[in-house]
C-alpha cells in the first residue's frame, strides 16, 4: 500500500502533465491563429486562417476537459483550491472560449463579418491571457492553510510576474500559430507568417529569458529547488538547449523551410514543459501541498488509470487521423494537396 501511495500520485502527475502539454501544443496553434486573425488585412486571408482550424479546434480543446476531469478525480483538494484561487483567470479563459466558439459558427452565415471576426480574435486573445495569468499565479505560489484550502485574496493572481508570463505565453501561441500557418498556406500569406514567426520567436525568447532569471530571484521556494543537486545541472542545461532550438528555428525561417519551423517550435514547447514540471514537482499546489498530500484514495486512482488507459490511445488516434486526412495546404478557403 505504501508503494501505491508513492507511485500512483506520480503517475497521475505525469498523466495530467501529458494532457496539459497536448492541450497547449494543439490548442496553442489554434489560439495563435485566432490572435493572428485580428491582423489579417483582407477577408479572403481571414477565411483561409479560419478554414485551417475548422476541422481541428473542437478536438484540440478536449485535452483541457480531460485535464480538468483528471485533476478533479486524482487530486480533488488541488482542484478545489486552484479553481478558487484562479477564479477570475479561469472565467476570462471560459469567456474567451465562448466568444470564439460562437463567432466561429456565426461568422460563416453573417453578411457583415466584422463583429464576428473581432469576437473570434479577441476571444482567442482573452482565453490565452487567462491561461497565462493562471500559469503565472501557480508559479508564484498559492496561499493555503494547513489543510490546503485557499486563504488568499481574489486578486492574488495578478502581479507583474503573472503579466509577464501571460504576455510570453501569448507570444508563444502566436509563434506556434505562425509556424502552423507557414506549413498550411502558400505565397504571400505564407511569407507574412514567416515574418510574424520570426518576431514572435524573438519576443518569446526575451520573455522566457526574463522569467528564467527572475523566478529564482523573487521566489524562494523555486530558488531553493533550482539550486539543489543534481537539479542544478539539469536546469543549467535547459536554457542552453532552448537557445539552440531557437537558433535552429530562426535558421529554418531564414531558409524558408515549411515544416521544420513547426517541429522546432514543438520541441521548444516540450523543453519548456520539462523545465516547468521540474520546477513544480512534487507540488500540486505550489509551494505548500504535494501530490502525495492532495491525492485521492489509491483505489480511485487505480480505477481511473484503467479508464484513462483506454481513452488516451483512442484520443491520440482520433487526433492523428484528423491531421493525416486534412494534411494539405489551404488555398482560397479550401483544403488542397
C-alpha atoms as a PDB file:
ATOM      1  CA  UNK A   1       0.000   0.000   0.000  1.00  0.00           C
ATOM      2  CA  UNK A   2       2.849   2.393   0.756  1.00  0.00           C
ATOM      3  CA  UNK A   3       4.255   1.710  -2.708  1.00  0.00           C
ATOM      4  CA  UNK A   4       0.905   2.562  -4.302  1.00  0.00           C
ATOM      5  CA  UNK A   5       0.616   5.719  -2.219  1.00  0.00           C
ATOM      6  CA  UNK A   6       4.047   6.759  -3.509  1.00  0.00           C
ATOM      7  CA  UNK A   7       3.865   5.857  -7.195  1.00  0.00           C
ATOM      8  CA  UNK A   8       0.197   6.445  -8.083  1.00  0.00           C
ATOM      9  CA  UNK A   9       0.315  10.216  -7.422  1.00  0.00           C
ATOM     10  CA  UNK A  10       3.454  10.408  -9.562  1.00  0.00           C
ATOM     11  CA  UNK A  11       1.759   8.509 -12.391  1.00  0.00           C
ATOM     12  CA  UNK A  12      -1.225  10.840 -12.253  1.00  0.00           C
ATOM     13  CA  UNK A  13       1.019  13.898 -12.143  1.00  0.00           C
ATOM     14  CA  UNK A  14       2.589  12.604 -15.369  1.00  0.00           C
ATOM     15  CA  UNK A  15      -0.803  11.907 -16.966  1.00  0.00           C
ATOM     16  CA  UNK A  16      -2.078  15.400 -16.152  1.00  0.00           C
ATOM     17  CA  UNK A  17       1.164  16.894 -17.448  1.00  0.00           C
ATOM     18  CA  UNK A  18       0.642  14.944 -20.702  1.00  0.00           C
ATOM     19  CA  UNK A  19      -2.937  16.223 -21.023  1.00  0.00           C
ATOM     20  CA  UNK A  20      -1.821  19.794 -20.374  1.00  0.00           C
ATOM     21  CA  UNK A  21       1.043  19.556 -22.854  1.00  0.00           C
ATOM     22  CA  UNK A  22      -1.161  18.114 -25.606  1.00  0.00           C
ATOM     23  CA  UNK A  23      -3.694  20.866 -24.977  1.00  0.00           C
ATOM     24  CA  UNK A  24      -1.119  23.677 -25.052  1.00  0.00           C
ATOM     25  CA  UNK A  25       0.559  22.263 -28.160  1.00  0.00           C
ATOM     26  CA  UNK A  26      -2.647  21.602 -30.127  1.00  0.00           C
ATOM     27  CA  UNK A  27      -4.941  24.382 -28.951  1.00  0.00           C
ATOM     28  CA  UNK A  28      -1.901  26.658 -28.750  1.00  0.00           C
ATOM     29  CA  UNK A  29      -1.603  26.975 -32.524  1.00  0.00           C
ATOM     30  CA  UNK A  30      -5.395  27.225 -32.610  1.00  0.00           C
ATOM     31  CA  UNK A  31      -5.374  30.242 -30.266  1.00  0.00           C
ATOM     32  CA  UNK A  32      -2.321  31.657 -32.028  1.00  0.00           C
ATOM     33  CA  UNK A  33      -4.090  31.582 -35.394  1.00  0.00           C
ATOM     34  CA  UNK A  34      -7.108  33.235 -33.759  1.00  0.00           C
ATOM     35  CA  UNK A  35      -4.933  36.051 -32.421  1.00  0.00           C
ATOM     36  CA  UNK A  36      -3.243  36.441 -35.794  1.00  0.00           C
ATOM     37  CA  UNK A  37      -6.646  36.676 -37.494  1.00  0.00           C
ATOM     38  CA  UNK A  38      -7.055  40.139 -35.916  1.00  0.00           C
ATOM     39  CA  UNK A  39      -4.212  41.401 -38.101  1.00  0.00           C
ATOM     40  CA  UNK A  40      -5.454  39.856 -41.367  1.00  0.00           C
ATOM     41  CA  UNK A  41      -5.685  42.561 -43.990  1.00  0.00           C
ATOM     42  CA  UNK A  42      -8.446  41.012 -46.122  1.00  0.00           C
ATOM     43  CA  UNK A  43     -11.497  38.808 -45.634  1.00  0.00           C
ATOM     44  CA  UNK A  44     -10.008  36.249 -48.023  1.00  0.00           C
ATOM     45  CA  UNK A  45      -6.931  35.875 -45.842  1.00  0.00           C
ATOM     46  CA  UNK A  46      -9.044  35.580 -42.725  1.00  0.00           C
ATOM     47  CA  UNK A  47     -11.171  32.896 -44.387  1.00  0.00           C
ATOM     48  CA  UNK A  48      -8.038  30.862 -45.098  1.00  0.00           C
ATOM     49  CA  UNK A  49      -6.977  31.147 -41.466  1.00  0.00           C
ATOM     50  CA  UNK A  50     -10.407  30.064 -40.242  1.00  0.00           C
ATOM     51  CA  UNK A  51     -10.528  27.149 -42.679  1.00  0.00           C
ATOM     52  CA  UNK A  52      -7.169  25.917 -41.404  1.00  0.00           C
ATOM     53  CA  UNK A  53      -8.800  25.446 -37.966  1.00  0.00           C
ATOM     54  CA  UNK A  54     -12.256  24.252 -38.935  1.00  0.00           C
ATOM     55  CA  UNK A  55     -11.562  20.530 -38.624  1.00  0.00           C
ATOM     56  CA  UNK A  56      -9.340  20.603 -35.526  1.00  0.00           C
ATOM     57  CA  UNK A  57     -10.272  23.185 -32.945  1.00  0.00           C
ATOM     58  CA  UNK A  58     -13.093  21.292 -31.196  1.00  0.00           C
ATOM     59  CA  UNK A  59     -10.959  18.184 -30.702  1.00  0.00           C
ATOM     60  CA  UNK A  60      -7.986  20.242 -29.504  1.00  0.00           C
ATOM     61  CA  UNK A  61      -9.916  21.575 -26.516  1.00  0.00           C
ATOM     62  CA  UNK A  62     -10.909  18.040 -25.458  1.00  0.00           C
ATOM     63  CA  UNK A  63      -7.496  17.643 -23.820  1.00  0.00           C
ATOM     64  CA  UNK A  64      -8.250  20.561 -21.494  1.00  0.00           C
ATOM     65  CA  UNK A  65     -11.538  18.919 -20.482  1.00  0.00           C
ATOM     66  CA  UNK A  66      -9.688  15.672 -19.769  1.00  0.00           C
ATOM     67  CA  UNK A  67      -7.100  17.571 -17.761  1.00  0.00           C
ATOM     68  CA  UNK A  68      -9.780  19.231 -15.632  1.00  0.00           C
ATOM     69  CA  UNK A  69     -11.619  15.963 -15.085  1.00  0.00           C
ATOM     70  CA  UNK A  70      -8.404  14.137 -14.237  1.00  0.00           C
ATOM     71  CA  UNK A  71      -7.394  16.827 -11.740  1.00  0.00           C
ATOM     72  CA  UNK A  72     -10.816  16.587 -10.064  1.00  0.00           C
ATOM     73  CA  UNK A  73     -10.606  12.807  -9.762  1.00  0.00           C
ATOM     74  CA  UNK A  74      -6.922  12.366  -8.909  1.00  0.00           C
ATOM     75  CA  UNK A  75      -6.277  15.462  -6.779  1.00  0.00           C
ATOM     76  CA  UNK A  76      -9.667  16.771  -5.560  1.00  0.00           C
ATOM     77  CA  UNK A  77      -8.075  19.059  -2.980  1.00  0.00           C
ATOM     78  CA  UNK A  78      -5.947  20.714  -5.657  1.00  0.00           C
ATOM     79  CA  UNK A  79      -8.963  21.035  -7.959  1.00  0.00           C
ATOM     80  CA  UNK A  80     -10.987  22.937  -5.357  1.00  0.00           C
ATOM     81  CA  UNK A  81      -8.116  25.106  -4.161  1.00  0.00           C
ATOM     82  CA  UNK A  82      -6.705  26.023  -7.572  1.00  0.00           C
ATOM     83  CA  UNK A  83     -10.097  26.858  -9.063  1.00  0.00           C
ATOM     84  CA  UNK A  84     -10.906  29.043  -6.051  1.00  0.00           C
ATOM     85  CA  UNK A  85      -7.562  30.863  -6.230  1.00  0.00           C
ATOM     86  CA  UNK A  86      -7.710  31.307 -10.006  1.00  0.00           C
ATOM     87  CA  UNK A  87     -11.411  32.008 -10.340  1.00  0.00           C
ATOM     88  CA  UNK A  88     -11.013  35.244 -12.326  1.00  0.00           C
ATOM     89  CA  UNK A  89      -8.356  33.991 -14.802  1.00  0.00           C
ATOM     90  CA  UNK A  90     -10.397  30.844 -15.406  1.00  0.00           C
ATOM     91  CA  UNK A  91     -13.530  32.922 -16.012  1.00  0.00           C
ATOM     92  CA  UNK A  92     -11.531  35.003 -18.513  1.00  0.00           C
ATOM     93  CA  UNK A  93     -10.475  31.817 -20.282  1.00  0.00           C
ATOM     94  CA  UNK A  94     -14.014  30.407 -20.363  1.00  0.00           C
ATOM     95  CA  UNK A  95     -15.499  33.649 -21.701  1.00  0.00           C
ATOM     96  CA  UNK A  96     -12.776  33.686 -24.351  1.00  0.00           C
ATOM     97  CA  UNK A  97     -13.730  30.161 -25.398  1.00  0.00           C
ATOM     98  CA  UNK A  98     -17.402  31.119 -25.548  1.00  0.00           C
ATOM     99  CA  UNK A  99     -16.761  34.214 -27.675  1.00  0.00           C
ATOM    100  CA  UNK A 100     -14.551  32.388 -30.162  1.00  0.00           C
ATOM    101  CA  UNK A 101     -16.859  29.371 -30.424  1.00  0.00           C
ATOM    102  CA  UNK A 102     -19.945  31.488 -31.133  1.00  0.00           C
ATOM    103  CA  UNK A 103     -18.023  33.725 -33.516  1.00  0.00           C
ATOM    104  CA  UNK A 104     -16.619  30.761 -35.429  1.00  0.00           C
ATOM    105  CA  UNK A 105     -20.101  29.404 -36.153  1.00  0.00           C
ATOM    106  CA  UNK A 106     -21.957  32.699 -36.757  1.00  0.00           C
ATOM    107  CA  UNK A 107     -19.263  34.183 -38.949  1.00  0.00           C
ATOM    108  CA  UNK A 108     -19.932  31.697 -41.758  1.00  0.00           C
ATOM    109  CA  UNK A 109     -23.559  32.797 -42.118  1.00  0.00           C
ATOM    110  CA  UNK A 110     -23.132  36.515 -41.440  1.00  0.00           C
ATOM    111  CA  UNK A 111     -23.204  39.006 -44.303  1.00  0.00           C
ATOM    112  CA  UNK A 112     -21.306  41.547 -42.247  1.00  0.00           C
ATOM    113  CA  UNK A 113     -18.458  39.624 -40.679  1.00  0.00           C
ATOM    114  CA  UNK A 114     -16.573  42.408 -38.899  1.00  0.00           C
ATOM    115  CA  UNK A 115     -18.104  41.843 -35.449  1.00  0.00           C
ATOM    116  CA  UNK A 116     -17.682  38.061 -35.568  1.00  0.00           C
ATOM    117  CA  UNK A 117     -14.119  38.370 -36.864  1.00  0.00           C
ATOM    118  CA  UNK A 118     -13.300  40.676 -33.961  1.00  0.00           C
ATOM    119  CA  UNK A 119     -15.066  38.407 -31.472  1.00  0.00           C
ATOM    120  CA  UNK A 120     -13.057  35.399 -32.646  1.00  0.00           C
ATOM    121  CA  UNK A 121      -9.734  37.222 -32.400  1.00  0.00           C
ATOM    122  CA  UNK A 122     -10.474  38.923 -29.089  1.00  0.00           C
ATOM    123  CA  UNK A 123     -11.889  35.665 -27.694  1.00  0.00           C
ATOM    124  CA  UNK A 124      -8.677  33.842 -28.637  1.00  0.00           C
ATOM    125  CA  UNK A 125      -6.564  36.569 -27.023  1.00  0.00           C
ATOM    126  CA  UNK A 126      -8.702  36.584 -23.860  1.00  0.00           C
ATOM    127  CA  UNK A 127      -8.524  32.804 -23.484  1.00  0.00           C
ATOM    128  CA  UNK A 128      -4.734  32.874 -23.874  1.00  0.00           C
ATOM    129  CA  UNK A 129      -4.470  35.790 -21.422  1.00  0.00           C
ATOM    130  CA  UNK A 130      -6.473  33.919 -18.781  1.00  0.00           C
ATOM    131  CA  UNK A 131      -4.259  30.865 -19.182  1.00  0.00           C
ATOM    132  CA  UNK A 132      -1.146  32.996 -18.849  1.00  0.00           C
ATOM    133  CA  UNK A 133      -2.391  34.648 -15.661  1.00  0.00           C
ATOM    134  CA  UNK A 134      -3.232  31.217 -14.220  1.00  0.00           C
ATOM    135  CA  UNK A 135       0.211  29.837 -15.052  1.00  0.00           C
ATOM    136  CA  UNK A 136       1.927  32.891 -13.591  1.00  0.00           C
ATOM    137  CA  UNK A 137      -0.086  32.591 -10.380  1.00  0.00           C
ATOM    138  CA  UNK A 138       0.773  28.900  -9.989  1.00  0.00           C
ATOM    139  CA  UNK A 139       4.483  29.603 -10.485  1.00  0.00           C
ATOM    140  CA  UNK A 140       4.298  32.405  -7.941  1.00  0.00           C
ATOM    141  CA  UNK A 141       2.543  30.158  -5.422  1.00  0.00           C
ATOM    142  CA  UNK A 142      -0.937  29.884  -3.918  1.00  0.00           C
ATOM    143  CA  UNK A 143      -1.594  30.829  -0.297  1.00  0.00           C
ATOM    144  CA  UNK A 144      -3.170  27.939   1.603  1.00  0.00           C
ATOM    145  CA  UNK A 145      -3.760  26.927   5.221  1.00  0.00           C
ATOM    146  CA  UNK A 146      -2.512  23.750   6.870  1.00  0.00           C
ATOM    147  CA  UNK A 147      -5.337  21.756   5.267  1.00  0.00           C
ATOM    148  CA  UNK A 148      -4.605  23.051   1.773  1.00  0.00           C
ATOM    149  CA  UNK A 149      -7.558  25.435   1.480  1.00  0.00           C
ATOM    150  CA  UNK A 150      -7.080  28.785  -0.263  1.00  0.00           C
ATOM    151  CA  UNK A 151      -6.683  31.714   2.143  1.00  0.00           C
ATOM    152  CA  UNK A 152      -5.511  34.425  -0.240  1.00  0.00           C
ATOM    153  CA  UNK A 153      -7.373  37.290  -1.874  1.00  0.00           C
ATOM    154  CA  UNK A 154      -9.348  37.492  -5.104  1.00  0.00           C
ATOM    155  CA  UNK A 155      -6.543  39.368  -6.872  1.00  0.00           C
ATOM    156  CA  UNK A 156      -3.525  37.376  -5.665  1.00  0.00           C
ATOM    157  CA  UNK A 157      -3.118  36.014  -9.182  1.00  0.00           C
ATOM    158  CA  UNK A 158      -2.406  39.500 -10.573  1.00  0.00           C
ATOM    159  CA  UNK A 159       1.199  40.672 -10.350  1.00  0.00           C
ATOM    160  CA  UNK A 160       3.844  41.964 -12.701  1.00  0.00           C
ATOM    161  CA  UNK A 161       5.255  38.438 -12.846  1.00  0.00           C
ATOM    162  CA  UNK A 162       1.934  36.921 -13.925  1.00  0.00           C
ATOM    163  CA  UNK A 163       1.515  39.686 -16.527  1.00  0.00           C
ATOM    164  CA  UNK A 164       4.955  38.829 -17.912  1.00  0.00           C
ATOM    165  CA  UNK A 165       4.145  35.107 -18.009  1.00  0.00           C
ATOM    166  CA  UNK A 166       0.808  35.835 -19.724  1.00  0.00           C
ATOM    167  CA  UNK A 167       2.389  38.025 -22.406  1.00  0.00           C
ATOM    168  CA  UNK A 168       5.133  35.453 -23.006  1.00  0.00           C
ATOM    169  CA  UNK A 169       2.580  32.656 -23.329  1.00  0.00           C
ATOM    170  CA  UNK A 170       0.601  34.718 -25.845  1.00  0.00           C
ATOM    171  CA  UNK A 171       3.781  35.238 -27.873  1.00  0.00           C
ATOM    172  CA  UNK A 172       4.425  31.501 -27.692  1.00  0.00           C
ATOM    173  CA  UNK A 173       0.939  30.851 -29.052  1.00  0.00           C
ATOM    174  CA  UNK A 174       1.494  33.398 -31.832  1.00  0.00           C
ATOM    175  CA  UNK A 175       4.780  31.637 -32.630  1.00  0.00           C
ATOM    176  CA  UNK A 176       3.282  28.163 -32.928  1.00  0.00           C
ATOM    177  CA  UNK A 177       0.281  29.615 -34.784  1.00  0.00           C
ATOM    178  CA  UNK A 178       2.586  31.342 -37.264  1.00  0.00           C
ATOM    179  CA  UNK A 179       4.686  28.232 -37.889  1.00  0.00           C
ATOM    180  CA  UNK A 180       1.489  26.203 -38.363  1.00  0.00           C
ATOM    181  CA  UNK A 181       0.281  28.710 -40.979  1.00  0.00           C
ATOM    182  CA  UNK A 182       3.655  28.557 -42.740  1.00  0.00           C
ATOM    183  CA  UNK A 183       3.006  24.830 -43.129  1.00  0.00           C
ATOM    184  CA  UNK A 184      -0.612  25.231 -44.250  1.00  0.00           C
ATOM    185  CA  UNK A 185      -0.556  28.316 -46.506  1.00  0.00           C
ATOM    186  CA  UNK A 186       1.199  29.459 -49.672  1.00  0.00           C
ATOM    187  CA  UNK A 187       2.540  32.517 -51.475  1.00  0.00           C
ATOM    188  CA  UNK A 188       2.065  35.963 -49.915  1.00  0.00           C
ATOM    189  CA  UNK A 189       0.164  34.735 -46.857  1.00  0.00           C
ATOM    190  CA  UNK A 190       2.898  32.220 -46.106  1.00  0.00           C
ATOM    191  CA  UNK A 191       5.527  34.941 -46.463  1.00  0.00           C
ATOM    192  CA  UNK A 192       3.623  37.116 -43.989  1.00  0.00           C
ATOM    193  CA  UNK A 193       3.758  34.395 -41.374  1.00  0.00           C
ATOM    194  CA  UNK A 194       7.461  33.815 -41.871  1.00  0.00           C
ATOM    195  CA  UNK A 195       7.757  37.394 -40.630  1.00  0.00           C
ATOM    196  CA  UNK A 196       5.308  37.019 -37.730  1.00  0.00           C
ATOM    197  CA  UNK A 197       7.022  33.789 -36.686  1.00  0.00           C
ATOM    198  CA  UNK A 198      10.412  35.487 -36.555  1.00  0.00           C
ATOM    199  CA  UNK A 199       9.073  38.398 -34.493  1.00  0.00           C
ATOM    200  CA  UNK A 200       7.258  36.027 -32.119  1.00  0.00           C
ATOM    201  CA  UNK A 201      10.381  33.874 -31.749  1.00  0.00           C
ATOM    202  CA  UNK A 202      12.407  36.854 -30.535  1.00  0.00           C
ATOM    203  CA  UNK A 203       9.706  38.194 -28.212  1.00  0.00           C
ATOM    204  CA  UNK A 204       9.100  34.720 -26.755  1.00  0.00           C
ATOM    205  CA  UNK A 205      12.833  34.287 -26.216  1.00  0.00           C
ATOM    206  CA  UNK A 206      13.136  37.633 -24.413  1.00  0.00           C
ATOM    207  CA  UNK A 207      10.173  36.821 -22.175  1.00  0.00           C
ATOM    208  CA  UNK A 208      11.496  33.348 -21.413  1.00  0.00           C
ATOM    209  CA  UNK A 209      14.944  34.722 -20.512  1.00  0.00           C
ATOM    210  CA  UNK A 210      13.458  37.277 -18.141  1.00  0.00           C
ATOM    211  CA  UNK A 211      11.209  34.667 -16.491  1.00  0.00           C
ATOM    212  CA  UNK A 212      14.142  32.255 -16.126  1.00  0.00           C
ATOM    213  CA  UNK A 213      16.289  34.922 -14.448  1.00  0.00           C
ATOM    214  CA  UNK A 214      13.567  36.474 -12.270  1.00  0.00           C
ATOM    215  CA  UNK A 215      11.983  33.256 -10.956  1.00  0.00           C
ATOM    216  CA  UNK A 216      14.837  32.205  -8.639  1.00  0.00           C
ATOM    217  CA  UNK A 217      15.403  35.833  -7.605  1.00  0.00           C
ATOM    218  CA  UNK A 218      11.848  36.568  -6.455  1.00  0.00           C
ATOM    219  CA  UNK A 219      10.580  33.114  -5.391  1.00  0.00           C
ATOM    220  CA  UNK A 220      12.427  31.495  -2.518  1.00  0.00           C
ATOM    221  CA  UNK A 221      10.796  28.079  -2.970  1.00  0.00           C
ATOM    222  CA  UNK A 222      11.855  27.975  -6.639  1.00  0.00           C
ATOM    223  CA  UNK A 223      15.337  29.209  -5.754  1.00  0.00           C
ATOM    224  CA  UNK A 224      15.826  26.508  -3.139  1.00  0.00           C
ATOM    225  CA  UNK A 225      14.741  23.830  -5.571  1.00  0.00           C
ATOM    226  CA  UNK A 226      16.632  25.136  -8.600  1.00  0.00           C
ATOM    227  CA  UNK A 227      19.978  25.128  -6.816  1.00  0.00           C
ATOM    228  CA  UNK A 228      19.742  21.648  -5.325  1.00  0.00           C
ATOM    229  CA  UNK A 229      21.915  18.923  -6.768  1.00  0.00           C
ATOM    230  CA  UNK A 230      21.514  17.245  -9.221  1.00  0.00           C
ATOM    231  CA  UNK A 231      18.691  19.506 -10.461  1.00  0.00           C
ATOM    232  CA  UNK A 232      21.025  22.481 -10.703  1.00  0.00           C
ATOM    233  CA  UNK A 233      22.832  20.745 -13.578  1.00  0.00           C
ATOM    234  CA  UNK A 234      19.576  19.909 -15.350  1.00  0.00           C
ATOM    235  CA  UNK A 235      18.354  23.488 -15.064  1.00  0.00           C
ATOM    236  CA  UNK A 236      21.720  24.653 -16.343  1.00  0.00           C
ATOM    237  CA  UNK A 237      21.318  22.550 -19.492  1.00  0.00           C
ATOM    238  CA  UNK A 238      17.721  23.555 -20.287  1.00  0.00           C
ATOM    239  CA  UNK A 239      18.475  27.239 -21.159  1.00  0.00           C
ATOM    240  CA  UNK A 240      21.359  26.122 -23.382  1.00  0.00           C
ATOM    241  CA  UNK A 241      19.099  23.673 -25.215  1.00  0.00           C
ATOM    242  CA  UNK A 242      16.459  26.387 -25.503  1.00  0.00           C
ATOM    243  CA  UNK A 243      18.880  28.785 -27.188  1.00  0.00           C
ATOM    244  CA  UNK A 244      19.987  26.021 -29.579  1.00  0.00           C
ATOM    245  CA  UNK A 245      16.369  25.267 -30.506  1.00  0.00           C
ATOM    246  CA  UNK A 246      15.597  28.951 -31.055  1.00  0.00           C
ATOM    247  CA  UNK A 247      18.699  29.187 -33.245  1.00  0.00           C
ATOM    248  CA  UNK A 248      17.530  26.233 -35.339  1.00  0.00           C
ATOM    249  CA  UNK A 249      14.047  27.731 -35.567  1.00  0.00           C
ATOM    250  CA  UNK A 250      15.354  31.091 -36.799  1.00  0.00           C
ATOM    251  CA  UNK A 251      17.632  29.328 -39.293  1.00  0.00           C
ATOM    252  CA  UNK A 252      14.719  27.304 -40.671  1.00  0.00           C
ATOM    253  CA  UNK A 253      12.700  30.517 -41.052  1.00  0.00           C
ATOM    254  CA  UNK A 254      15.551  32.237 -42.890  1.00  0.00           C
ATOM    255  CA  UNK A 255      15.824  29.243 -45.226  1.00  0.00           C
ATOM    256  CA  UNK A 256      12.062  29.379 -45.877  1.00  0.00           C
ATOM    257  CA  UNK A 257      11.530  25.779 -44.802  1.00  0.00           C
ATOM    258  CA  UNK A 258       7.861  24.875 -44.409  1.00  0.00           C
ATOM    259  CA  UNK A 259       7.551  22.131 -41.792  1.00  0.00           C
ATOM    260  CA  UNK A 260      10.794  22.458 -39.850  1.00  0.00           C
ATOM    261  CA  UNK A 261       9.765  25.698 -38.027  1.00  0.00           C
ATOM    262  CA  UNK A 262       6.668  23.969 -36.635  1.00  0.00           C
ATOM    263  CA  UNK A 263       8.754  21.000 -35.484  1.00  0.00           C
ATOM    264  CA  UNK A 264      11.350  23.210 -33.782  1.00  0.00           C
ATOM    265  CA  UNK A 265       8.571  25.165 -32.066  1.00  0.00           C
ATOM    266  CA  UNK A 266       7.016  21.970 -30.723  1.00  0.00           C
ATOM    267  CA  UNK A 267      10.410  20.919 -29.368  1.00  0.00           C
ATOM    268  CA  UNK A 268      10.667  24.319 -27.639  1.00  0.00           C
ATOM    269  CA  UNK A 269       7.299  23.690 -26.006  1.00  0.00           C
ATOM    270  CA  UNK A 270       8.457  20.224 -24.916  1.00  0.00           C
ATOM    271  CA  UNK A 271      11.603  21.672 -23.354  1.00  0.00           C
ATOM    272  CA  UNK A 272       9.608  24.395 -21.599  1.00  0.00           C
ATOM    273  CA  UNK A 273       7.210  21.838 -20.151  1.00  0.00           C
ATOM    274  CA  UNK A 274      10.071  19.725 -18.862  1.00  0.00           C
ATOM    275  CA  UNK A 275      11.516  22.767 -17.120  1.00  0.00           C
ATOM    276  CA  UNK A 276       8.177  23.803 -15.615  1.00  0.00           C
ATOM    277  CA  UNK A 277       7.481  20.246 -14.492  1.00  0.00           C
ATOM    278  CA  UNK A 278      10.809  20.055 -12.685  1.00  0.00           C
ATOM    279  CA  UNK A 279      10.188  23.407 -11.004  1.00  0.00           C
ATOM    280  CA  UNK A 280       6.740  22.418  -9.756  1.00  0.00           C
ATOM    281  CA  UNK A 281       7.176  18.703  -8.903  1.00  0.00           C
ATOM    282  CA  UNK A 282       6.268  17.252  -6.422  1.00  0.00           C
ATOM    283  CA  UNK A 283       3.888  20.110  -5.564  1.00  0.00           C
ATOM    284  CA  UNK A 284       0.378  20.156  -6.990  1.00  0.00           C
ATOM    285  CA  UNK A 285      -0.428  23.404  -5.120  1.00  0.00           C
ATOM    286  CA  UNK A 286       2.914  25.250  -5.069  1.00  0.00           C
ATOM    287  CA  UNK A 287       4.680  25.852  -2.775  1.00  0.00           C
ATOM    288  CA  UNK A 288       2.935  24.003   0.078  1.00  0.00           C
ATOM    289  CA  UNK A 289       0.841  20.954  -0.922  1.00  0.00           C
ATOM    290  CA  UNK A 290       2.481  17.959  -2.596  1.00  0.00           C
ATOM    291  CA  UNK A 291       0.887  15.403  -4.888  1.00  0.00           C
ATOM    292  CA  UNK A 292       1.052  12.876  -2.047  1.00  0.00           C
ATOM    293  CA  UNK A 293      -0.946  15.101   0.303  1.00  0.00           C
ATOM    294  CA  UNK A 294      -3.598  16.022  -2.267  1.00  0.00           C
ATOM    295  CA  UNK A 295      -4.052  12.615  -3.939  1.00  0.00           C
ATOM    296  CA  UNK A 296      -7.343  10.730  -3.862  1.00  0.00           C
ATOM    297  CA  UNK A 297      -7.692   7.233  -2.427  1.00  0.00           C
ATOM    298  CA  UNK A 298      -5.385   4.698  -4.177  1.00  0.00           C
ATOM    299  CA  UNK A 299      -8.350   2.547  -5.263  1.00  0.00           C
ATOM    300  CA  UNK A 300      -9.865   5.553  -7.064  1.00  0.00           C
ATOM    301  CA  UNK A 301      -6.570   6.322  -8.769  1.00  0.00           C
ATOM    302  CA  UNK A 302      -6.249   2.731  -9.993  1.00  0.00           C
ATOM    303  CA  UNK A 303      -9.791   2.664 -11.409  1.00  0.00           C
ATOM    304  CA  UNK A 304      -9.209   5.964 -13.177  1.00  0.00           C
ATOM    305  CA  UNK A 305      -5.954   4.714 -14.682  1.00  0.00           C
ATOM    306  CA  UNK A 306      -7.787   1.725 -16.192  1.00  0.00           C
ATOM    307  CA  UNK A 307     -10.360   4.053 -17.768  1.00  0.00           C
ATOM    308  CA  UNK A 308      -7.762   6.568 -18.975  1.00  0.00           C
ATOM    309  CA  UNK A 309      -5.638   3.715 -20.333  1.00  0.00           C
ATOM    310  CA  UNK A 310      -8.383   3.003 -22.872  1.00  0.00           C
ATOM    311  CA  UNK A 311      -9.240   6.637 -23.559  1.00  0.00           C
ATOM    312  CA  UNK A 312      -5.783   8.070 -24.290  1.00  0.00           C
ATOM    313  CA  UNK A 313      -4.997   5.800 -27.301  1.00  0.00           C
ATOM    314  CA  UNK A 314      -8.448   6.487 -28.770  1.00  0.00           C
ATOM    315  CA  UNK A 315      -7.995  10.242 -28.422  1.00  0.00           C
ATOM    316  CA  UNK A 316      -4.481  10.172 -29.837  1.00  0.00           C
ATOM    317  CA  UNK A 317      -5.599   8.058 -32.804  1.00  0.00           C
ATOM    318  CA  UNK A 318      -8.506  10.420 -33.479  1.00  0.00           C
ATOM    319  CA  UNK A 319      -6.247  13.496 -33.409  1.00  0.00           C
ATOM    320  CA  UNK A 320      -3.630  11.835 -35.590  1.00  0.00           C
ATOM    321  CA  UNK A 321      -6.254  10.679 -38.085  1.00  0.00           C
ATOM    322  CA  UNK A 322      -7.603  14.235 -38.361  1.00  0.00           C
ATOM    323  CA  UNK A 323      -4.200  15.693 -39.132  1.00  0.00           C
ATOM    324  CA  UNK A 324      -3.460  12.999 -41.713  1.00  0.00           C
ATOM    325  CA  UNK A 325      -6.770  13.472 -43.531  1.00  0.00           C
ATOM    326  CA  UNK A 326      -6.528  17.281 -43.555  1.00  0.00           C
ATOM    327  CA  UNK A 327      -2.783  17.497 -44.127  1.00  0.00           C
ATOM    328  CA  UNK A 328      -2.960  19.523 -47.341  1.00  0.00           C
ATOM    329  CA  UNK A 329      -2.423  23.216 -47.960  1.00  0.00           C
ATOM    330  CA  UNK A 330      -5.234  25.761 -47.598  1.00  0.00           C
ATOM    331  CA  UNK A 331      -5.880  27.631 -50.827  1.00  0.00           C
ATOM    332  CA  UNK A 332      -8.787  30.011 -51.262  1.00  0.00           C
ATOM    333  CA  UNK A 333     -10.556  28.758 -48.148  1.00  0.00           C
ATOM    334  CA  UNK A 334     -10.345  25.065 -49.157  1.00  0.00           C
ATOM    335  CA  UNK A 335      -8.002  22.175 -48.483  1.00  0.00           C
ATOM    336  CA  UNK A 336      -5.725  21.114 -51.297  1.00  0.00           C
ATOM    337  CA  UNK A 337      -2.957  18.581 -51.750  1.00  0.00           C
END
